Amino acid sequence: MKSNWLDFAQRIEVPAHLAEEVWHKIEQNHSEPHRAYHNLAHLETMFRALPQLTGKQELPTAVSLAVWFHDIIYDPKSQNNEGDSATLMVNLLKTHVDKEVLQEAERLILLTKSHQLDDEKDDNGSILLDADLSILGAELARYRAYAQAIRYEFSHVPDELYIPGRTAVLNHFLGMAQIYLTEYGREHWEAQARQNLTWEIENL
């Protein structure tokens, strides 16, 4: 992952010394002990999903930037992880990255809070959000590991609160006409995601 970040940073003309500093921050934050799912493996999964969703190896710069930073701040007890993550990204890179790219990456990160688009024609938003939720459509064994990891991250919440809260989240996704926003996501992940979500509700 480090080499991927450094290559990307070079492409967007981030100086080498700053790229190293930012990588240290990315690695340090994603390795916090309370993170069982929102870690570097999650970023790697998203980057594997993106070319499938776009049909291209060359990704929009703002989308890639949003992936790197969308969970750089993650506290399960906080309601503003997305805003804090976007702010940190801007503060780290504002002197070297194009302002419009940063603004678009910031907008995309904030979308991961609600996972809803303001404009159904938002291609960048659709791609990022589907990549972020790609785990929902994984094979059941991977999904089960994901569900266990999420429970670990919320281990401070007792079962009597976690179970109804998590059930509400899962039912929210099941209640959507379409979980995935891209054609690829709907074709390849939608059915499996609904099976996985139903399985988790039944096994909470």
N, C-alpha and C. Protein backbone atom coordinates (compact mmCIF):
# COMPACT_ATOMS: atom_id res chain seq x y z
N MET A 1 0.82 -1.20 0.00
CA MET A 1 0.00 0.00 0.00
C MET A 1 0.87 1.26 0.00
N LYS A 2 1.99 1.21 0.67
CA LYS A 2 2.84 2.39 0.71
C LYS A 2 3.31 2.78 -0.69
N SER A 3 3.75 1.80 -1.46
CA SER A 3 4.23 2.12 -2.81
C SER A 3 3.11 2.67 -3.66
N ASN A 4 1.89 2.16 -3.48
CA ASN A 4 0.74 2.68 -4.22
C ASN A 4 0.49 4.15 -3.87
N TRP A 5 0.56 4.45 -2.57
CA TRP A 5 0.36 5.84 -2.17
C TRP A 5 1.46 6.74 -2.73
N LEU A 6 2.70 6.31 -2.63
CA LEU A 6 3.81 7.15 -3.10
C LEU A 6 3.73 7.38 -4.61
N ASP A 7 3.33 6.35 -5.35
CA ASP A 7 3.16 6.52 -6.80
C ASP A 7 2.04 7.53 -7.08
N PHE A 8 0.94 7.39 -6.37
CA PHE A 8 -0.18 8.31 -6.56
C PHE A 8 0.22 9.73 -6.17
N ALA A 9 0.89 9.87 -5.04
CA ALA A 9 1.33 11.19 -4.59
C ALA A 9 2.25 11.85 -5.61
N GLN A 10 3.11 11.08 -6.22
CA GLN A 10 3.99 11.62 -7.25
C GLN A 10 3.19 12.13 -8.44
N ARG A 11 2.14 11.37 -8.82
CA ARG A 11 1.33 11.77 -9.97
C ARG A 11 0.59 13.07 -9.71
N ILE A 12 0.21 13.33 -8.47
CA ILE A 12 -0.50 14.57 -8.17
C ILE A 12 0.46 15.64 -7.65
N GLU A 13 1.75 15.37 -7.83
CA GLU A 13 2.81 16.35 -7.58
C GLU A 13 2.93 16.76 -6.12
N VAL A 14 2.72 15.80 -5.24
CA VAL A 14 3.02 16.01 -3.82
C VAL A 14 4.51 15.76 -3.63
N PRO A 15 5.24 16.67 -3.03
CA PRO A 15 6.68 16.48 -2.81
C PRO A 15 6.97 15.19 -2.05
N ALA A 16 8.09 14.59 -2.35
CA ALA A 16 8.42 13.28 -1.78
C ALA A 16 8.44 13.31 -0.25
N HIS A 17 8.99 14.36 0.34
CA HIS A 17 9.07 14.40 1.80
C HIS A 17 7.68 14.47 2.42
N LEU A 18 6.77 15.23 1.78
CA LEU A 18 5.40 15.32 2.30
C LEU A 18 4.66 14.01 2.08
N ALA A 19 4.88 13.40 0.94
CA ALA A 19 4.23 12.11 0.67
C ALA A 19 4.60 11.08 1.72
N GLU A 20 5.86 11.05 2.13
CA GLU A 20 6.30 10.14 3.19
C GLU A 20 5.61 10.47 4.51
N GLU A 21 5.51 11.75 4.84
CA GLU A 21 4.86 12.17 6.08
C GLU A 21 3.37 11.78 6.08
N VAL A 22 2.73 12.01 4.94
CA VAL A 22 1.30 11.69 4.84
C VAL A 22 1.10 10.18 4.91
N TRP A 23 1.97 9.40 4.26
CA TRP A 23 1.85 7.94 4.36
C TRP A 23 1.96 7.51 5.81
N HIS A 24 2.89 8.08 6.56
CA HIS A 24 3.02 7.71 7.97
C HIS A 24 1.71 7.95 8.70
N LYS A 25 1.05 9.05 8.40
CA LYS A 25 -0.22 9.36 9.04
C LYS A 25 -1.31 8.38 8.61
N ILE A 26 -1.37 8.07 7.32
CA ILE A 26 -2.35 7.11 6.83
C ILE A 26 -2.15 5.75 7.50
N GLU A 27 -0.90 5.28 7.52
CA GLU A 27 -0.61 3.97 8.10
C GLU A 27 -0.87 3.96 9.60
N GLN A 28 -0.42 4.99 10.29
CA GLN A 28 -0.60 5.05 11.74
C GLN A 28 -2.07 5.05 12.11
N ASN A 29 -2.86 5.89 11.46
CA ASN A 29 -4.27 5.99 11.81
C ASN A 29 -5.03 4.72 11.48
N HIS A 30 -4.75 4.12 10.33
CA HIS A 30 -5.48 2.91 9.95
C HIS A 30 -5.02 1.67 10.71
N SER A 31 -3.98 1.81 11.52
CA SER A 31 -3.49 0.69 12.32
C SER A 31 -3.88 0.83 13.80
N GLU A 32 -4.76 1.77 14.09
CA GLU A 32 -5.19 1.95 15.49
C GLU A 32 -5.83 0.66 16.00
N PRO A 33 -5.62 0.32 17.27
CA PRO A 33 -6.07 -0.98 17.77
C PRO A 33 -7.57 -1.20 17.75
N HIS A 34 -8.36 -0.14 17.75
CA HIS A 34 -9.81 -0.33 17.74
C HIS A 34 -10.36 -0.61 16.35
N ARG A 35 -9.50 -0.55 15.33
CA ARG A 35 -9.96 -0.78 13.96
C ARG A 35 -9.81 -2.25 13.58
N ALA A 36 -10.93 -2.92 13.45
CA ALA A 36 -10.91 -4.31 12.98
C ALA A 36 -11.32 -4.40 11.52
N TYR A 37 -12.08 -3.41 11.05
CA TYR A 37 -12.50 -3.38 9.65
C TYR A 37 -12.00 -2.13 8.93
N HIS A 38 -12.11 -0.97 9.55
CA HIS A 38 -11.75 0.29 8.89
C HIS A 38 -10.24 0.51 8.95
N ASN A 39 -9.54 -0.37 8.27
CA ASN A 39 -8.08 -0.38 8.30
C ASN A 39 -7.53 -0.36 6.87
N LEU A 40 -6.24 -0.60 6.73
CA LEU A 40 -5.63 -0.57 5.40
C LEU A 40 -6.19 -1.64 4.47
N ALA A 41 -6.63 -2.77 5.03
CA ALA A 41 -7.21 -3.82 4.19
C ALA A 41 -8.50 -3.33 3.53
N HIS A 42 -9.24 -2.49 4.24
CA HIS A 42 -10.46 -1.91 3.66
C HIS A 42 -10.11 -1.03 2.46
N LEU A 43 -9.06 -0.22 2.59
CA LEU A 43 -8.65 0.61 1.47
C LEU A 43 -8.22 -0.25 0.28
N GLU A 44 -7.48 -1.31 0.58
CA GLU A 44 -7.02 -2.20 -0.49
C GLU A 44 -8.19 -2.83 -1.22
N THR A 45 -9.22 -3.24 -0.46
CA THR A 45 -10.42 -3.81 -1.07
C THR A 45 -11.10 -2.80 -1.98
N MET A 46 -11.18 -1.56 -1.52
CA MET A 46 -11.81 -0.53 -2.34
C MET A 46 -11.04 -0.28 -3.62
N PHE A 47 -9.72 -0.22 -3.53
CA PHE A 47 -8.92 0.01 -4.73
C PHE A 47 -9.02 -1.15 -5.71
N ARG A 48 -9.24 -2.36 -5.22
CA ARG A 48 -9.46 -3.50 -6.13
C ARG A 48 -10.83 -3.40 -6.81
N ALA A 49 -11.79 -2.83 -6.09
CA ALA A 49 -13.15 -2.73 -6.63
C ALA A 49 -13.28 -1.62 -7.67
N LEU A 50 -12.53 -0.55 -7.53
CA LEU A 50 -12.72 0.63 -8.37
C LEU A 50 -12.58 0.35 -9.87
N PRO A 51 -11.55 -0.38 -10.32
CA PRO A 51 -11.47 -0.66 -11.77
C PRO A 51 -12.64 -1.49 -12.28
N GLN A 52 -13.19 -2.35 -11.43
CA GLN A 52 -14.37 -3.11 -11.83
C GLN A 52 -15.55 -2.18 -12.06
N LEU A 53 -15.69 -1.20 -11.19
CA LEU A 53 -16.83 -0.29 -11.26
C LEU A 53 -16.71 0.69 -12.42
N THR A 54 -15.49 1.07 -12.75
CA THR A 54 -15.28 2.05 -13.80
C THR A 54 -14.97 1.43 -15.15
N GLY A 55 -14.49 0.18 -15.12
CA GLY A 55 -14.03 -0.45 -16.35
C GLY A 55 -12.70 0.10 -16.82
N LYS A 56 -12.02 0.85 -15.94
CA LYS A 56 -10.77 1.49 -16.30
C LYS A 56 -9.74 1.31 -15.19
N GLN A 57 -8.48 1.25 -15.56
CA GLN A 57 -7.42 1.22 -14.58
C GLN A 57 -7.08 2.64 -14.10
N GLU A 58 -7.26 3.62 -14.98
CA GLU A 58 -6.97 5.01 -14.64
C GLU A 58 -8.20 5.61 -13.98
N LEU A 59 -8.07 5.92 -12.70
CA LEU A 59 -9.22 6.39 -11.92
C LEU A 59 -9.22 7.90 -11.80
N PRO A 60 -10.41 8.52 -11.65
CA PRO A 60 -10.45 9.95 -11.39
C PRO A 60 -9.62 10.29 -10.15
N THR A 61 -8.80 11.32 -10.25
CA THR A 61 -7.89 11.66 -9.15
C THR A 61 -8.63 11.90 -7.85
N ALA A 62 -9.73 12.62 -7.91
CA ALA A 62 -10.47 12.94 -6.68
C ALA A 62 -11.04 11.69 -6.03
N VAL A 63 -11.44 10.71 -6.83
CA VAL A 63 -11.97 9.46 -6.27
C VAL A 63 -10.87 8.72 -5.53
N SER A 64 -9.70 8.59 -6.16
CA SER A 64 -8.58 7.93 -5.49
C SER A 64 -8.22 8.65 -4.19
N LEU A 65 -8.18 9.96 -4.24
CA LEU A 65 -7.84 10.75 -3.06
C LEU A 65 -8.86 10.52 -1.95
N ALA A 66 -10.13 10.46 -2.34
CA ALA A 66 -11.18 10.22 -1.34
C ALA A 66 -11.05 8.85 -0.70
N VAL A 67 -10.66 7.85 -1.48
CA VAL A 67 -10.47 6.52 -0.89
C VAL A 67 -9.36 6.56 0.15
N TRP A 68 -8.24 7.16 -0.19
CA TRP A 68 -7.11 7.20 0.74
C TRP A 68 -7.49 7.87 2.07
N PHE A 69 -8.38 8.86 2.02
CA PHE A 69 -8.60 9.67 3.21
C PHE A 69 -9.98 9.52 3.85
N HIS A 70 -10.90 8.76 3.27
CA HIS A 70 -12.28 8.80 3.77
C HIS A 70 -12.43 8.25 5.18
N ASP A 71 -11.51 7.39 5.60
CA ASP A 71 -11.57 6.83 6.96
C ASP A 71 -10.32 7.14 7.77
N ILE A 72 -9.58 8.17 7.38
CA ILE A 72 -8.33 8.41 8.10
C ILE A 72 -8.61 8.78 9.55
N ILE A 73 -9.75 9.37 9.83
CA ILE A 73 -10.24 9.55 11.19
C ILE A 73 -11.39 8.60 11.39
N TYR A 74 -11.28 7.69 12.35
CA TYR A 74 -12.37 6.75 12.59
C TYR A 74 -12.45 6.44 14.08
N ASP A 75 -13.44 7.02 14.71
CA ASP A 75 -13.75 6.78 16.11
C ASP A 75 -15.20 6.31 16.17
N PRO A 76 -15.45 5.04 16.52
CA PRO A 76 -16.83 4.54 16.52
C PRO A 76 -17.78 5.34 17.43
N LYS A 77 -17.23 6.10 18.34
CA LYS A 77 -18.07 6.89 19.24
C LYS A 77 -18.38 8.28 18.69
N SER A 78 -17.77 8.63 17.56
CA SER A 78 -17.93 9.96 16.99
C SER A 78 -19.00 9.97 15.91
N GLN A 79 -19.66 11.12 15.75
CA GLN A 79 -20.65 11.31 14.69
C GLN A 79 -20.08 12.13 13.53
N ASN A 80 -18.80 12.49 13.60
CA ASN A 80 -18.26 13.38 12.58
C ASN A 80 -16.95 12.86 11.99
N ASN A 81 -16.82 11.55 11.87
CA ASN A 81 -15.60 10.99 11.31
C ASN A 81 -15.35 11.47 9.89
N GLU A 82 -16.40 11.54 9.10
CA GLU A 82 -16.25 11.93 7.70
C GLU A 82 -15.78 13.39 7.58
N GLY A 83 -16.42 14.26 8.34
CA GLY A 83 -16.01 15.66 8.32
C GLY A 83 -14.60 15.85 8.81
N ASP A 84 -14.25 15.14 9.88
CA ASP A 84 -12.89 15.25 10.41
C ASP A 84 -11.86 14.69 9.44
N SER A 85 -12.22 13.61 8.74
CA SER A 85 -11.31 13.02 7.76
C SER A 85 -11.08 13.98 6.60
N ALA A 86 -12.15 14.58 6.11
CA ALA A 86 -12.03 15.53 5.01
C ALA A 86 -11.19 16.73 5.40
N THR A 87 -11.39 17.22 6.60
CA THR A 87 -10.63 18.37 7.08
C THR A 87 -9.16 18.05 7.18
N LEU A 88 -8.84 16.87 7.70
CA LEU A 88 -7.43 16.48 7.82
C LEU A 88 -6.79 16.37 6.45
N MET A 89 -7.49 15.78 5.50
CA MET A 89 -6.95 15.68 4.14
C MET A 89 -6.62 17.05 3.57
N VAL A 90 -7.55 17.98 3.70
CA VAL A 90 -7.34 19.32 3.17
C VAL A 90 -6.15 19.99 3.85
N ASN A 91 -6.08 19.85 5.16
CA ASN A 91 -4.98 20.49 5.89
C ASN A 91 -3.62 19.91 5.52
N LEU A 92 -3.57 18.63 5.23
CA LEU A 92 -2.31 17.99 4.88
C LEU A 92 -1.85 18.35 3.47
N LEU A 93 -2.80 18.56 2.55
CA LEU A 93 -2.44 18.64 1.14
C LEU A 93 -2.76 19.96 0.46
N LYS A 94 -3.35 20.90 1.17
CA LYS A 94 -3.86 22.11 0.52
C LYS A 94 -2.78 22.96 -0.15
N THR A 95 -1.55 22.85 0.30
CA THR A 95 -0.50 23.69 -0.31
C THR A 95 0.08 23.07 -1.58
N HIS A 96 -0.31 21.83 -1.91
CA HIS A 96 0.32 21.17 -3.06
C HIS A 96 -0.67 20.57 -4.05
N VAL A 97 -1.89 20.26 -3.62
CA VAL A 97 -2.85 19.60 -4.51
C VAL A 97 -3.82 20.64 -5.05
N ASP A 98 -4.18 20.48 -6.31
CA ASP A 98 -5.11 21.39 -6.98
C ASP A 98 -6.38 21.59 -6.13
N LYS A 99 -6.77 22.84 -5.98
CA LYS A 99 -7.91 23.18 -5.12
C LYS A 99 -9.19 22.48 -5.55
N GLU A 100 -9.44 22.41 -6.84
CA GLU A 100 -10.67 21.78 -7.31
C GLU A 100 -10.68 20.28 -7.04
N VAL A 101 -9.53 19.64 -7.16
CA VAL A 101 -9.43 18.21 -6.85
C VAL A 101 -9.70 17.98 -5.37
N LEU A 102 -9.10 18.81 -4.52
CA LEU A 102 -9.33 18.67 -3.09
C LEU A 102 -10.80 18.89 -2.73
N GLN A 103 -11.42 19.87 -3.34
CA GLN A 103 -12.83 20.15 -3.06
C GLN A 103 -13.71 18.98 -3.46
N GLU A 104 -13.41 18.38 -4.62
CA GLU A 104 -14.20 17.23 -5.05
C GLU A 104 -13.96 16.03 -4.14
N ALA A 105 -12.72 15.79 -3.75
CA ALA A 105 -12.43 14.69 -2.82
C ALA A 105 -13.12 14.92 -1.48
N GLU A 106 -13.13 16.16 -1.03
CA GLU A 106 -13.81 16.50 0.23
C GLU A 106 -15.30 16.20 0.11
N ARG A 107 -15.91 16.60 -0.99
CA ARG A 107 -17.33 16.34 -1.21
C ARG A 107 -17.62 14.84 -1.19
N LEU A 108 -16.75 14.08 -1.86
CA LEU A 108 -16.95 12.64 -1.93
C LEU A 108 -16.84 11.99 -0.56
N ILE A 109 -15.87 12.41 0.23
CA ILE A 109 -15.72 11.86 1.58
C ILE A 109 -16.97 12.11 2.40
N LEU A 110 -17.52 13.30 2.29
CA LEU A 110 -18.72 13.63 3.07
C LEU A 110 -19.92 12.79 2.64
N LEU A 111 -19.94 12.34 1.39
CA LEU A 111 -21.03 11.46 0.94
C LEU A 111 -21.04 10.14 1.69
N THR A 112 -19.89 9.70 2.19
CA THR A 112 -19.83 8.40 2.85
C THR A 112 -20.52 8.41 4.22
N LYS A 113 -20.95 9.58 4.65
CA LYS A 113 -21.69 9.64 5.92
C LYS A 113 -23.12 9.13 5.75
N SER A 114 -23.79 9.62 4.72
CA SER A 114 -25.18 9.23 4.47
C SER A 114 -25.32 8.14 3.42
N HIS A 115 -24.30 7.97 2.60
CA HIS A 115 -24.34 7.05 1.47
C HIS A 115 -25.53 7.34 0.56
N GLN A 116 -25.82 8.62 0.40
CA GLN A 116 -26.87 9.04 -0.52
C GLN A 116 -26.32 10.15 -1.42
N LEU A 117 -26.73 10.13 -2.68
CA LEU A 117 -26.28 11.13 -3.63
C LEU A 117 -27.24 12.31 -3.68
N ASP A 118 -26.71 13.48 -3.91
CA ASP A 118 -27.55 14.65 -4.15
C ASP A 118 -28.01 14.69 -5.60
N ASP A 119 -27.27 14.01 -6.47
CA ASP A 119 -27.56 13.99 -7.91
C ASP A 119 -27.34 12.57 -8.41
N GLU A 120 -28.37 11.97 -8.97
CA GLU A 120 -28.25 10.57 -9.42
C GLU A 120 -27.25 10.42 -10.56
N LYS A 121 -26.86 11.52 -11.19
CA LYS A 121 -25.87 11.47 -12.27
C LYS A 121 -24.45 11.72 -11.76
N ASP A 122 -24.27 11.60 -10.47
CA ASP A 122 -22.97 11.82 -9.83
C ASP A 122 -22.11 10.56 -10.01
N ASP A 123 -21.36 10.51 -11.09
CA ASP A 123 -20.57 9.31 -11.39
C ASP A 123 -19.50 9.06 -10.34
N ASN A 124 -18.77 10.10 -9.96
CA ASN A 124 -17.72 9.93 -8.95
C ASN A 124 -18.31 9.43 -7.64
N GLY A 125 -19.42 10.02 -7.23
CA GLY A 125 -20.06 9.60 -5.99
C GLY A 125 -20.54 8.16 -6.06
N SER A 126 -21.13 7.78 -7.18
CA SER A 126 -21.63 6.41 -7.34
C SER A 126 -20.49 5.41 -7.24
N ILE A 127 -19.38 5.72 -7.88
CA ILE A 127 -18.23 4.82 -7.87
C ILE A 127 -17.66 4.67 -6.46
N LEU A 128 -17.47 5.79 -5.78
CA LEU A 128 -16.89 5.74 -4.43
C LEU A 128 -17.80 4.99 -3.47
N LEU A 129 -19.08 5.31 -3.48
CA LEU A 129 -19.99 4.69 -2.52
C LEU A 129 -20.14 3.19 -2.78
N ASP A 130 -20.19 2.79 -4.03
CA ASP A 130 -20.27 1.36 -4.33
C ASP A 130 -19.00 0.63 -3.91
N ALA A 131 -17.85 1.25 -4.12
CA ALA A 131 -16.61 0.63 -3.67
C ALA A 131 -16.60 0.49 -2.15
N ASP A 132 -17.08 1.50 -1.47
CA ASP A 132 -17.11 1.47 -0.01
C ASP A 132 -18.01 0.36 0.51
N LEU A 133 -19.08 0.05 -0.23
CA LEU A 133 -20.03 -0.98 0.20
C LEU A 133 -19.82 -2.31 -0.51
N SER A 134 -18.71 -2.45 -1.22
CA SER A 134 -18.49 -3.68 -1.98
C SER A 134 -18.47 -4.91 -1.07
N ILE A 135 -18.06 -4.73 0.18
CA ILE A 135 -18.00 -5.85 1.13
C ILE A 135 -19.37 -6.46 1.35
N LEU A 136 -20.42 -5.67 1.22
CA LEU A 136 -21.77 -6.21 1.44
C LEU A 136 -22.09 -7.30 0.43
N GLY A 137 -21.51 -7.21 -0.76
CA GLY A 137 -21.77 -8.20 -1.80
C GLY A 137 -20.70 -9.26 -1.93
N ALA A 138 -19.84 -9.38 -0.93
CA ALA A 138 -18.80 -10.40 -0.95
C ALA A 138 -19.38 -11.78 -0.64
N GLU A 139 -18.59 -12.80 -0.88
CA GLU A 139 -19.04 -14.14 -0.51
C GLU A 139 -19.29 -14.19 1.00
N LEU A 140 -20.16 -15.11 1.42
CA LEU A 140 -20.64 -15.09 2.80
C LEU A 140 -19.52 -15.18 3.83
N ALA A 141 -18.49 -15.97 3.56
CA ALA A 141 -17.41 -16.11 4.54
C ALA A 141 -16.74 -14.76 4.81
N ARG A 142 -16.49 -13.99 3.75
CA ARG A 142 -15.89 -12.67 3.93
C ARG A 142 -16.86 -11.72 4.61
N TYR A 143 -18.13 -11.84 4.26
CA TYR A 143 -19.12 -10.97 4.90
C TYR A 143 -19.22 -11.27 6.39
N ARG A 144 -19.18 -12.54 6.75
CA ARG A 144 -19.24 -12.90 8.17
C ARG A 144 -18.07 -12.30 8.93
N ALA A 145 -16.88 -12.35 8.33
CA ALA A 145 -15.71 -11.76 8.97
C ALA A 145 -15.89 -10.25 9.12
N TYR A 146 -16.48 -9.62 8.11
CA TYR A 146 -16.76 -8.18 8.17
C TYR A 146 -17.73 -7.88 9.31
N ALA A 147 -18.80 -8.65 9.42
CA ALA A 147 -19.80 -8.42 10.47
C ALA A 147 -19.17 -8.56 11.85
N GLN A 148 -18.30 -9.56 12.00
CA GLN A 148 -17.61 -9.74 13.28
C GLN A 148 -16.68 -8.57 13.58
N ALA A 149 -16.02 -8.07 12.55
CA ALA A 149 -15.10 -6.94 12.72
C ALA A 149 -15.86 -5.68 13.14
N ILE A 150 -17.02 -5.45 12.53
CA ILE A 150 -17.83 -4.30 12.91
C ILE A 150 -18.29 -4.42 14.36
N ARG A 151 -18.66 -5.63 14.76
CA ARG A 151 -19.09 -5.82 16.16
C ARG A 151 -17.93 -5.52 17.11
N TYR A 152 -16.72 -5.90 16.72
CA TYR A 152 -15.55 -5.61 17.55
C TYR A 152 -15.35 -4.11 17.68
N GLU A 153 -15.49 -3.40 16.57
CA GLU A 153 -15.29 -1.95 16.62
C GLU A 153 -16.32 -1.26 17.51
N PHE A 154 -17.47 -1.89 17.66
CA PHE A 154 -18.51 -1.33 18.53
C PHE A 154 -18.67 -2.16 19.81
N SER A 155 -17.56 -2.71 20.26
CA SER A 155 -17.61 -3.55 21.46
C SER A 155 -17.98 -2.77 22.71
N HIS A 156 -17.85 -1.45 22.65
CA HIS A 156 -18.27 -0.61 23.78
C HIS A 156 -19.78 -0.52 23.91
N VAL A 157 -20.50 -0.98 22.87
CA VAL A 157 -21.97 -0.92 22.87
C VAL A 157 -22.52 -2.27 23.32
N PRO A 158 -23.34 -2.32 24.36
CA PRO A 158 -23.89 -3.61 24.82
C PRO A 158 -24.87 -4.20 23.80
N ASP A 159 -25.04 -5.52 23.86
CA ASP A 159 -25.90 -6.21 22.89
C ASP A 159 -27.30 -5.63 22.83
N GLU A 160 -27.83 -5.24 23.99
CA GLU A 160 -29.21 -4.75 23.99
C GLU A 160 -29.39 -3.45 23.21
N LEU A 161 -28.28 -2.76 22.97
CA LEU A 161 -28.33 -1.56 22.14
C LEU A 161 -27.80 -1.83 20.73
N TYR A 162 -26.75 -2.67 20.65
CA TYR A 162 -26.13 -2.93 19.36
C TYR A 162 -27.08 -3.67 18.42
N ILE A 163 -27.73 -4.70 18.91
CA ILE A 163 -28.56 -5.53 18.04
C ILE A 163 -29.69 -4.74 17.37
N PRO A 164 -30.48 -3.97 18.12
CA PRO A 164 -31.52 -3.19 17.42
C PRO A 164 -30.94 -2.10 16.52
N GLY A 165 -29.83 -1.50 16.94
CA GLY A 165 -29.22 -0.47 16.11
C GLY A 165 -28.67 -1.03 14.82
N ARG A 166 -27.96 -2.13 14.91
CA ARG A 166 -27.40 -2.76 13.72
C ARG A 166 -28.51 -3.30 12.82
N THR A 167 -29.55 -3.86 13.42
CA THR A 167 -30.68 -4.36 12.64
C THR A 167 -31.32 -3.24 11.83
N ALA A 168 -31.43 -2.07 12.44
CA ALA A 168 -32.02 -0.92 11.74
C ALA A 168 -31.16 -0.53 10.54
N VAL A 169 -29.85 -0.55 10.72
CA VAL A 169 -28.94 -0.21 9.62
C VAL A 169 -29.09 -1.21 8.48
N LEU A 170 -29.10 -2.49 8.82
CA LEU A 170 -29.20 -3.53 7.80
C LEU A 170 -30.55 -3.46 7.08
N ASN A 171 -31.62 -3.22 7.83
CA ASN A 171 -32.94 -3.11 7.21
C ASN A 171 -33.03 -1.87 6.32
N HIS A 172 -32.29 -0.84 6.67
CA HIS A 172 -32.26 0.35 5.82
C HIS A 172 -31.72 0.00 4.44
N PHE A 173 -30.63 -0.77 4.40
CA PHE A 173 -30.08 -1.17 3.11
C PHE A 173 -31.04 -2.10 2.37
N LEU A 174 -31.64 -3.04 3.10
CA LEU A 174 -32.57 -3.96 2.45
C LEU A 174 -33.79 -3.23 1.90
N GLY A 175 -34.14 -2.12 2.53
CA GLY A 175 -35.30 -1.37 2.09
C GLY A 175 -35.06 -0.51 0.87
N MET A 176 -33.82 -0.37 0.47
CA MET A 176 -33.50 0.42 -0.72
C MET A 176 -33.95 -0.32 -1.98
N ALA A 177 -34.44 0.44 -2.94
CA ALA A 177 -34.80 -0.17 -4.22
C ALA A 177 -33.56 -0.81 -4.85
N GLN A 178 -32.41 -0.14 -4.70
CA GLN A 178 -31.14 -0.66 -5.18
C GLN A 178 -30.05 -0.24 -4.21
N ILE A 179 -29.31 -1.20 -3.71
CA ILE A 179 -28.21 -0.89 -2.79
C ILE A 179 -27.08 -0.21 -3.55
N TYR A 180 -26.79 -0.72 -4.74
CA TYR A 180 -25.66 -0.23 -5.51
C TYR A 180 -26.10 0.76 -6.58
N LEU A 181 -25.25 1.72 -6.83
CA LEU A 181 -25.57 2.83 -7.71
C LEU A 181 -25.04 2.66 -9.13
N THR A 182 -24.05 1.79 -9.29
CA THR A 182 -23.47 1.55 -10.61
C THR A 182 -24.06 0.28 -11.21
N GLU A 183 -23.97 0.21 -12.52
CA GLU A 183 -24.48 -0.98 -13.21
C GLU A 183 -23.71 -2.22 -12.78
N TYR A 184 -22.39 -2.09 -12.65
CA TYR A 184 -21.59 -3.24 -12.24
C TYR A 184 -22.00 -3.71 -10.85
N GLY A 185 -22.14 -2.79 -9.92
CA GLY A 185 -22.51 -3.17 -8.57
C GLY A 185 -23.85 -3.88 -8.52
N ARG A 186 -24.81 -3.36 -9.26
CA ARG A 186 -26.14 -3.99 -9.26
C ARG A 186 -26.09 -5.37 -9.89
N GLU A 187 -25.30 -5.52 -10.94
CA GLU A 187 -25.25 -6.80 -11.65
C GLU A 187 -24.48 -7.86 -10.88
N HIS A 188 -23.39 -7.46 -10.20
CA HIS A 188 -22.49 -8.44 -9.61
C HIS A 188 -22.61 -8.58 -8.10
N TRP A 189 -23.12 -7.58 -7.39
CA TRP A 189 -23.10 -7.62 -5.94
C TRP A 189 -24.47 -7.54 -5.27
N GLU A 190 -25.44 -7.01 -5.96
CA GLU A 190 -26.74 -6.71 -5.34
C GLU A 190 -27.40 -7.94 -4.70
N ALA A 191 -27.53 -9.01 -5.46
CA ALA A 191 -28.23 -10.19 -4.95
C ALA A 191 -27.51 -10.79 -3.75
N GLN A 192 -26.20 -10.91 -3.86
CA GLN A 192 -25.42 -11.46 -2.75
C GLN A 192 -25.50 -10.56 -1.52
N ALA A 193 -25.47 -9.25 -1.73
CA ALA A 193 -25.56 -8.32 -0.61
C ALA A 193 -26.87 -8.52 0.15
N ARG A 194 -27.95 -8.69 -0.56
CA ARG A 194 -29.25 -8.88 0.11
C ARG A 194 -29.27 -10.19 0.88
N GLN A 195 -28.66 -11.22 0.33
CA GLN A 195 -28.56 -12.48 1.06
C GLN A 195 -27.73 -12.31 2.33
N ASN A 196 -26.61 -11.60 2.21
CA ASN A 196 -25.73 -11.40 3.36
C ASN A 196 -26.40 -10.58 4.46
N LEU A 197 -27.06 -9.52 4.07
CA LEU A 197 -27.74 -8.66 5.05
C LEU A 197 -28.83 -9.44 5.78
N THR A 198 -29.57 -10.24 5.03
CA THR A 198 -30.61 -11.06 5.65
C THR A 198 -30.00 -12.07 6.61
N TRP A 199 -28.88 -12.67 6.20
CA TRP A 199 -28.19 -13.62 7.08
C TRP A 199 -27.78 -12.95 8.39
N GLU A 200 -27.22 -11.75 8.31
CA GLU A 200 -26.76 -11.10 9.53
C GLU A 200 -27.91 -10.78 10.46
N ILE A 201 -29.01 -10.28 9.91
CA ILE A 201 -30.17 -9.98 10.75
C ILE A 201 -30.64 -11.23 11.48
N GLU A 202 -30.67 -12.34 10.77
CA GLU A 202 -31.14 -13.59 11.37
C GLU A 202 -30.18 -14.13 12.41
N ASN A 203 -28.91 -13.69 12.37
CA ASN A 203 -27.90 -14.24 13.27
C ASN A 203 -27.39 -13.26 14.32
N LEU A 204 -28.00 -12.09 14.40
CA LEU A 204 -27.60 -11.15 15.43
C LEU A 204 -28.00 -11.65 16.81
